[in-house]
């Protein structure tokens, strides 16, 4: 299972509604709407996420 980078839903790559490849990495989507949102700003979803220090939750 892969995580849809837009909505966070788990997606089986074999059944994904859409797939994109950015810098050699595959991204799978639960719906065409999530893929379209990704297409508008892929850097928003592919940039490394900052790590929260422990205790900042």
C-alpha atoms as a PDB file:
ATOM      1  CA  UNK A   1       0.000   0.000   0.000  1.00  0.00           C
ATOM      2  CA  UNK A   2       1.087   3.542  -0.774  1.00  0.00           C
ATOM      3  CA  UNK A   3      -0.072   6.784   0.780  1.00  0.00           C
ATOM      4  CA  UNK A   4      -1.856   9.313  -1.451  1.00  0.00           C
ATOM      5  CA  UNK A   5       0.326  12.419  -0.937  1.00  0.00           C
ATOM      6  CA  UNK A   6      -2.662  14.759  -1.183  1.00  0.00           C
ATOM      7  CA  UNK A   7      -5.291  13.268   1.138  1.00  0.00           C
ATOM      8  CA  UNK A   8      -3.271  10.626   3.001  1.00  0.00           C
ATOM      9  CA  UNK A   9      -5.515   7.706   2.023  1.00  0.00           C
ATOM     10  CA  UNK A  10      -3.804   4.341   1.587  1.00  0.00           C
ATOM     11  CA  UNK A  11      -3.884   3.243  -2.049  1.00  0.00           C
ATOM     12  CA  UNK A  12      -3.108  -0.126  -3.588  1.00  0.00           C
ATOM     13  CA  UNK A  13      -0.849   0.738  -6.552  1.00  0.00           C
ATOM     14  CA  UNK A  14      -2.615  -1.904  -8.668  1.00  0.00           C
ATOM     15  CA  UNK A  15      -5.975  -0.144  -8.165  1.00  0.00           C
ATOM     16  CA  UNK A  16      -4.843   3.486  -8.033  1.00  0.00           C
ATOM     17  CA  UNK A  17      -7.038   6.003  -9.856  1.00  0.00           C
ATOM     18  CA  UNK A  18      -3.908   7.799 -11.085  1.00  0.00           C
ATOM     19  CA  UNK A  19      -0.119   7.692 -10.888  1.00  0.00           C
ATOM     20  CA  UNK A  20       2.539  10.350 -11.312  1.00  0.00           C
ATOM     21  CA  UNK A  21       6.326  10.029 -11.405  1.00  0.00           C
ATOM     22  CA  UNK A  22       8.371  12.925 -10.025  1.00  0.00           C
ATOM     23  CA  UNK A  23      12.165  12.729  -9.986  1.00  0.00           C
ATOM     24  CA  UNK A  24      12.005   8.954 -10.392  1.00  0.00           C
ATOM     25  CA  UNK A  25       9.580   8.386  -7.493  1.00  0.00           C
ATOM     26  CA  UNK A  26       6.092   6.995  -8.057  1.00  0.00           C
ATOM     27  CA  UNK A  27       3.081   8.688  -6.436  1.00  0.00           C
ATOM     28  CA  UNK A  28      -0.326   6.993  -6.395  1.00  0.00           C
ATOM     29  CA  UNK A  29      -3.718   8.644  -5.983  1.00  0.00           C
ATOM     30  CA  UNK A  30      -7.095   7.524  -4.695  1.00  0.00           C
ATOM     31  CA  UNK A  31      -8.959   9.718  -7.178  1.00  0.00           C
ATOM     32  CA  UNK A  32      -8.448  11.862 -10.278  1.00  0.00           C
ATOM     33  CA  UNK A  33      -9.251  14.904  -8.104  1.00  0.00           C
ATOM     34  CA  UNK A  34      -6.250  14.230  -5.850  1.00  0.00           C
ATOM     35  CA  UNK A  35      -4.020  13.739  -8.907  1.00  0.00           C
ATOM     36  CA  UNK A  36      -5.210  17.070 -10.360  1.00  0.00           C
ATOM     37  CA  UNK A  37      -4.503  18.847  -7.071  1.00  0.00           C
ATOM     38  CA  UNK A  38      -1.019  17.283  -7.058  1.00  0.00           C
ATOM     39  CA  UNK A  39      -0.447  18.429 -10.653  1.00  0.00           C
ATOM     40  CA  UNK A  40      -1.125  22.044  -9.669  1.00  0.00           C
ATOM     41  CA  UNK A  41       1.711  22.127  -7.104  1.00  0.00           C
ATOM     42  CA  UNK A  42       3.723  18.876  -6.978  1.00  0.00           C
ATOM     43  CA  UNK A  43       6.505  20.510  -4.951  1.00  0.00           C
ATOM     44  CA  UNK A  44       4.021  21.020  -2.120  1.00  0.00           C
ATOM     45  CA  UNK A  45       3.523  17.259  -1.839  1.00  0.00           C
ATOM     46  CA  UNK A  46       7.025  16.016  -2.692  1.00  0.00           C
ATOM     47  CA  UNK A  47       9.124  18.328  -0.507  1.00  0.00           C
ATOM     48  CA  UNK A  48      10.533  16.708   2.637  1.00  0.00           C
ATOM     49  CA  UNK A  49       8.334  17.381   5.649  1.00  0.00           C
ATOM     50  CA  UNK A  50       9.974  18.983   8.689  1.00  0.00           C
ATOM     51  CA  UNK A  51      10.387  16.683  11.660  1.00  0.00           C
ATOM     52  CA  UNK A  52       8.693  17.871  14.836  1.00  0.00           C
ATOM     53  CA  UNK A  53      10.882  17.765  17.939  1.00  0.00           C
ATOM     54  CA  UNK A  54       9.587  15.372  20.589  1.00  0.00           C
ATOM     55  CA  UNK A  55       7.310  17.097  23.045  1.00  0.00           C
ATOM     56  CA  UNK A  56       5.910  19.572  20.458  1.00  0.00           C
ATOM     57  CA  UNK A  57       2.700  17.640  19.870  1.00  0.00           C
END
